Protein backbone atom coordinates (compact mmCIF):
# COMPACT_ATOMS: atom_id res chain seq x y z
CA UNK A 1 0.00 0.00 0.00
CA UNK A 2 1.26 3.47 -0.87
CA UNK A 3 0.49 4.76 2.63
CA UNK A 4 2.92 2.25 4.15
CA UNK A 5 5.66 3.53 1.85
CA UNK A 6 4.85 7.10 2.91
CA UNK A 7 5.01 6.09 6.57
CA UNK A 8 8.36 4.36 6.02
CA UNK A 9 9.64 7.60 4.48
CA UNK A 10 8.38 9.54 7.50
CA UNK A 11 10.06 7.08 9.87
CA UNK A 12 13.35 7.58 8.05
CA UNK A 13 12.97 11.36 8.16
CA UNK A 14 12.17 11.21 11.89
CA UNK A 15 15.23 9.05 12.57
CA UNK A 16 17.40 11.58 10.69
CA UNK A 17 15.82 14.49 12.61
CA UNK A 18 14.42 15.94 9.36
CA UNK A 19 11.02 17.56 8.87
CA UNK A 20 8.46 14.88 8.09
CA UNK A 21 7.02 15.14 4.58
CA UNK A 22 3.37 15.65 3.70
CA UNK A 23 1.27 12.53 4.48
CA UNK A 24 4.27 10.63 5.87
CA UNK A 25 3.80 10.92 9.65
CA UNK A 26 2.31 7.65 10.88
CA UNK A 27 1.93 9.12 14.39
CA UNK A 28 -0.44 11.86 13.20
CA UNK A 29 -2.20 10.09 10.35
CA UNK A 30 -5.87 10.24 9.43
CA UNK A 31 -6.71 8.30 6.25
CA UNK A 32 -9.83 10.25 5.20
CA UNK A 33 -8.10 13.60 5.79
CA UNK A 34 -5.03 12.34 3.98
CA UNK A 35 -7.14 11.33 0.99
CA UNK A 36 -8.87 14.73 1.04
CA UNK A 37 -5.47 16.43 0.96
CA UNK A 38 -4.21 14.18 -1.84
CA UNK A 39 -7.30 14.74 -3.97
CA UNK A 40 -7.36 18.49 -3.33
CA UNK A 41 -3.64 19.24 -3.63
CA UNK A 42 -2.44 16.69 -6.17
CA UNK A 43 -5.20 15.05 -8.17
CA UNK A 44 -7.47 18.04 -8.82
CA UNK A 45 -4.64 20.24 -10.15
CA UNK A 46 -3.26 17.45 -12.34
CA UNK A 47 -6.62 16.41 -13.74
CA UNK A 48 -7.67 20.04 -14.25
CA UNK A 49 -4.67 20.47 -16.55
CA UNK A 50 -5.48 17.20 -18.29
CA UNK A 51 -9.05 18.34 -18.94
CA UNK A 52 -7.72 21.57 -20.46
CA UNK A 53 -5.83 19.43 -22.98
CA UNK A 54 -8.53 16.78 -23.41
CA UNK A 55 -11.95 18.27 -22.56
CA UNK A 56 -13.68 14.92 -23.11
CA UNK A 57 -12.09 13.79 -19.84
CA UNK A 58 -14.12 16.26 -17.79
CA UNK A 59 -15.95 13.33 -16.21
CA UNK A 60 -12.75 12.63 -14.25
CA UNK A 61 -13.18 15.90 -12.36
CA UNK A 62 -16.78 15.00 -11.56
CA UNK A 63 -15.62 11.60 -10.27
CA UNK A 64 -12.93 13.26 -8.14
CA UNK A 65 -15.50 15.65 -6.73
CA UNK A 66 -17.82 12.76 -5.81
CA UNK A 67 -14.92 10.90 -4.22
CA UNK A 68 -13.90 14.01 -2.31
CA UNK A 69 -17.42 14.37 -0.90
CA UNK A 70 -17.38 10.73 0.26
CA UNK A 71 -13.99 11.17 1.93
CA UNK A 72 -15.26 14.32 3.64
CA UNK A 73 -18.23 12.39 5.05
CA UNK A 74 -15.83 9.73 6.33
CA UNK A 75 -13.59 12.38 7.89
CA UNK A 76 -16.57 14.06 9.55
CA UNK A 77 -17.81 10.75 10.94
CA UNK A 78 -14.36 9.79 12.24
CA UNK A 79 -14.04 13.20 13.89
CA UNK A 80 -17.45 12.83 15.51
CA UNK A 81 -16.59 9.36 16.84
CA UNK A 82 -13.25 10.61 18.20
CA UNK A 83 -14.95 13.56 19.88
CA UNK A 84 -17.56 11.28 21.50
CA UNK A 85 -14.81 8.93 22.66
CA UNK A 86 -12.90 11.79 24.31
CA UNK A 87 -16.08 13.05 25.98
CA UNK A 88 -16.71 9.60 27.46
CA UNK A 89 -13.12 9.41 28.72
CA UNK A 90 -13.42 12.73 30.55
CA UNK A 91 -16.61 11.71 32.39
C-alpha atoms as a PDB file:
ATOM      1  CA  UNK A   1       0.000   0.000   0.000  1.00  0.00           C
ATOM      2  CA  UNK A   2       1.262   3.469  -0.866  1.00  0.00           C
ATOM      3  CA  UNK A   3       0.492   4.760   2.632  1.00  0.00           C
ATOM      4  CA  UNK A   4       2.920   2.246   4.153  1.00  0.00           C
ATOM      5  CA  UNK A   5       5.661   3.529   1.849  1.00  0.00           C
ATOM      6  CA  UNK A   6       4.847   7.102   2.908  1.00  0.00           C
ATOM      7  CA  UNK A   7       5.009   6.091   6.566  1.00  0.00           C
ATOM      8  CA  UNK A   8       8.358   4.358   6.019  1.00  0.00           C
ATOM      9  CA  UNK A   9       9.640   7.602   4.484  1.00  0.00           C
ATOM     10  CA  UNK A  10       8.383   9.542   7.500  1.00  0.00           C
ATOM     11  CA  UNK A  11      10.057   7.083   9.865  1.00  0.00           C
ATOM     12  CA  UNK A  12      13.351   7.581   8.051  1.00  0.00           C
ATOM     13  CA  UNK A  13      12.973  11.357   8.155  1.00  0.00           C
ATOM     14  CA  UNK A  14      12.172  11.214  11.890  1.00  0.00           C
ATOM     15  CA  UNK A  15      15.233   9.053  12.572  1.00  0.00           C
ATOM     16  CA  UNK A  16      17.396  11.576  10.687  1.00  0.00           C
ATOM     17  CA  UNK A  17      15.818  14.495  12.612  1.00  0.00           C
ATOM     18  CA  UNK A  18      14.420  15.943   9.362  1.00  0.00           C
ATOM     19  CA  UNK A  19      11.016  17.563   8.870  1.00  0.00           C
ATOM     20  CA  UNK A  20       8.462  14.880   8.088  1.00  0.00           C
ATOM     21  CA  UNK A  21       7.019  15.137   4.582  1.00  0.00           C
ATOM     22  CA  UNK A  22       3.366  15.647   3.701  1.00  0.00           C
ATOM     23  CA  UNK A  23       1.266  12.532   4.478  1.00  0.00           C
ATOM     24  CA  UNK A  24       4.265  10.630   5.874  1.00  0.00           C
ATOM     25  CA  UNK A  25       3.799  10.925   9.645  1.00  0.00           C
ATOM     26  CA  UNK A  26       2.314   7.648  10.881  1.00  0.00           C
ATOM     27  CA  UNK A  27       1.931   9.125  14.391  1.00  0.00           C
ATOM     28  CA  UNK A  28      -0.440  11.855  13.198  1.00  0.00           C
ATOM     29  CA  UNK A  29      -2.202  10.094  10.348  1.00  0.00           C
ATOM     30  CA  UNK A  30      -5.873  10.238   9.426  1.00  0.00           C
ATOM     31  CA  UNK A  31      -6.712   8.300   6.245  1.00  0.00           C
ATOM     32  CA  UNK A  32      -9.826  10.247   5.197  1.00  0.00           C
ATOM     33  CA  UNK A  33      -8.103  13.603   5.787  1.00  0.00           C
ATOM     34  CA  UNK A  34      -5.033  12.338   3.980  1.00  0.00           C
ATOM     35  CA  UNK A  35      -7.138  11.333   0.986  1.00  0.00           C
ATOM     36  CA  UNK A  36      -8.868  14.728   1.037  1.00  0.00           C
ATOM     37  CA  UNK A  37      -5.474  16.432   0.960  1.00  0.00           C
ATOM     38  CA  UNK A  38      -4.208  14.184  -1.838  1.00  0.00           C
ATOM     39  CA  UNK A  39      -7.297  14.740  -3.971  1.00  0.00           C
ATOM     40  CA  UNK A  40      -7.363  18.486  -3.332  1.00  0.00           C
ATOM     41  CA  UNK A  41      -3.641  19.241  -3.630  1.00  0.00           C
ATOM     42  CA  UNK A  42      -2.445  16.691  -6.167  1.00  0.00           C
ATOM     43  CA  UNK A  43      -5.205  15.047  -8.171  1.00  0.00           C
ATOM     44  CA  UNK A  44      -7.466  18.035  -8.820  1.00  0.00           C
ATOM     45  CA  UNK A  45      -4.643  20.241 -10.145  1.00  0.00           C
ATOM     46  CA  UNK A  46      -3.263  17.450 -12.340  1.00  0.00           C
ATOM     47  CA  UNK A  47      -6.620  16.411 -13.741  1.00  0.00           C
ATOM     48  CA  UNK A  48      -7.668  20.041 -14.252  1.00  0.00           C
ATOM     49  CA  UNK A  49      -4.673  20.467 -16.548  1.00  0.00           C
ATOM     50  CA  UNK A  50      -5.477  17.204 -18.293  1.00  0.00           C
ATOM     51  CA  UNK A  51      -9.053  18.335 -18.941  1.00  0.00           C
ATOM     52  CA  UNK A  52      -7.724  21.570 -20.456  1.00  0.00           C
ATOM     53  CA  UNK A  53      -5.829  19.428 -22.975  1.00  0.00           C
ATOM     54  CA  UNK A  54      -8.528  16.776 -23.413  1.00  0.00           C
ATOM     55  CA  UNK A  55     -11.952  18.270 -22.561  1.00  0.00           C
ATOM     56  CA  UNK A  56     -13.684  14.918 -23.110  1.00  0.00           C
ATOM     57  CA  UNK A  57     -12.092  13.786 -19.843  1.00  0.00           C
ATOM     58  CA  UNK A  58     -14.118  16.264 -17.794  1.00  0.00           C
ATOM     59  CA  UNK A  59     -15.947  13.328 -16.212  1.00  0.00           C
ATOM     60  CA  UNK A  60     -12.754  12.625 -14.248  1.00  0.00           C
ATOM     61  CA  UNK A  61     -13.180  15.903 -12.363  1.00  0.00           C
ATOM     62  CA  UNK A  62     -16.781  14.998 -11.565  1.00  0.00           C
ATOM     63  CA  UNK A  63     -15.620  11.601 -10.273  1.00  0.00           C
ATOM     64  CA  UNK A  64     -12.934  13.260  -8.145  1.00  0.00           C
ATOM     65  CA  UNK A  65     -15.502  15.650  -6.730  1.00  0.00           C
ATOM     66  CA  UNK A  66     -17.816  12.757  -5.807  1.00  0.00           C
ATOM     67  CA  UNK A  67     -14.922  10.903  -4.223  1.00  0.00           C
ATOM     68  CA  UNK A  68     -13.896  14.012  -2.310  1.00  0.00           C
ATOM     69  CA  UNK A  69     -17.419  14.373  -0.897  1.00  0.00           C
ATOM     70  CA  UNK A  70     -17.382  10.734   0.263  1.00  0.00           C
ATOM     71  CA  UNK A  71     -13.993  11.165   1.927  1.00  0.00           C
ATOM     72  CA  UNK A  72     -15.263  14.323   3.638  1.00  0.00           C
ATOM     73  CA  UNK A  73     -18.230  12.389   5.048  1.00  0.00           C
ATOM     74  CA  UNK A  74     -15.826   9.728   6.328  1.00  0.00           C
ATOM     75  CA  UNK A  75     -13.593  12.376   7.893  1.00  0.00           C
ATOM     76  CA  UNK A  76     -16.565  14.063   9.545  1.00  0.00           C
ATOM     77  CA  UNK A  77     -17.807  10.749  10.936  1.00  0.00           C
ATOM     78  CA  UNK A  78     -14.357   9.792  12.242  1.00  0.00           C
ATOM     79  CA  UNK A  79     -14.037  13.201  13.893  1.00  0.00           C
ATOM     80  CA  UNK A  80     -17.453  12.834  15.508  1.00  0.00           C
ATOM     81  CA  UNK A  81     -16.588   9.359  16.836  1.00  0.00           C
ATOM     82  CA  UNK A  82     -13.251  10.614  18.204  1.00  0.00           C
ATOM     83  CA  UNK A  83     -14.948  13.559  19.885  1.00  0.00           C
ATOM     84  CA  UNK A  84     -17.558  11.281  21.497  1.00  0.00           C
ATOM     85  CA  UNK A  85     -14.807   8.932  22.663  1.00  0.00           C
ATOM     86  CA  UNK A  86     -12.904  11.786  24.311  1.00  0.00           C
ATOM     87  CA  UNK A  87     -16.079  13.051  25.976  1.00  0.00           C
ATOM     88  CA  UNK A  88     -16.713   9.595  27.459  1.00  0.00           C
ATOM     89  CA  UNK A  89     -13.123   9.411  28.724  1.00  0.00           C
ATOM     90  CA  UNK A  90     -13.421  12.729  30.545  1.00  0.00           C
ATOM     91  CA  UNK A  91     -16.609  11.709  32.392  1.00  0.00           C
END
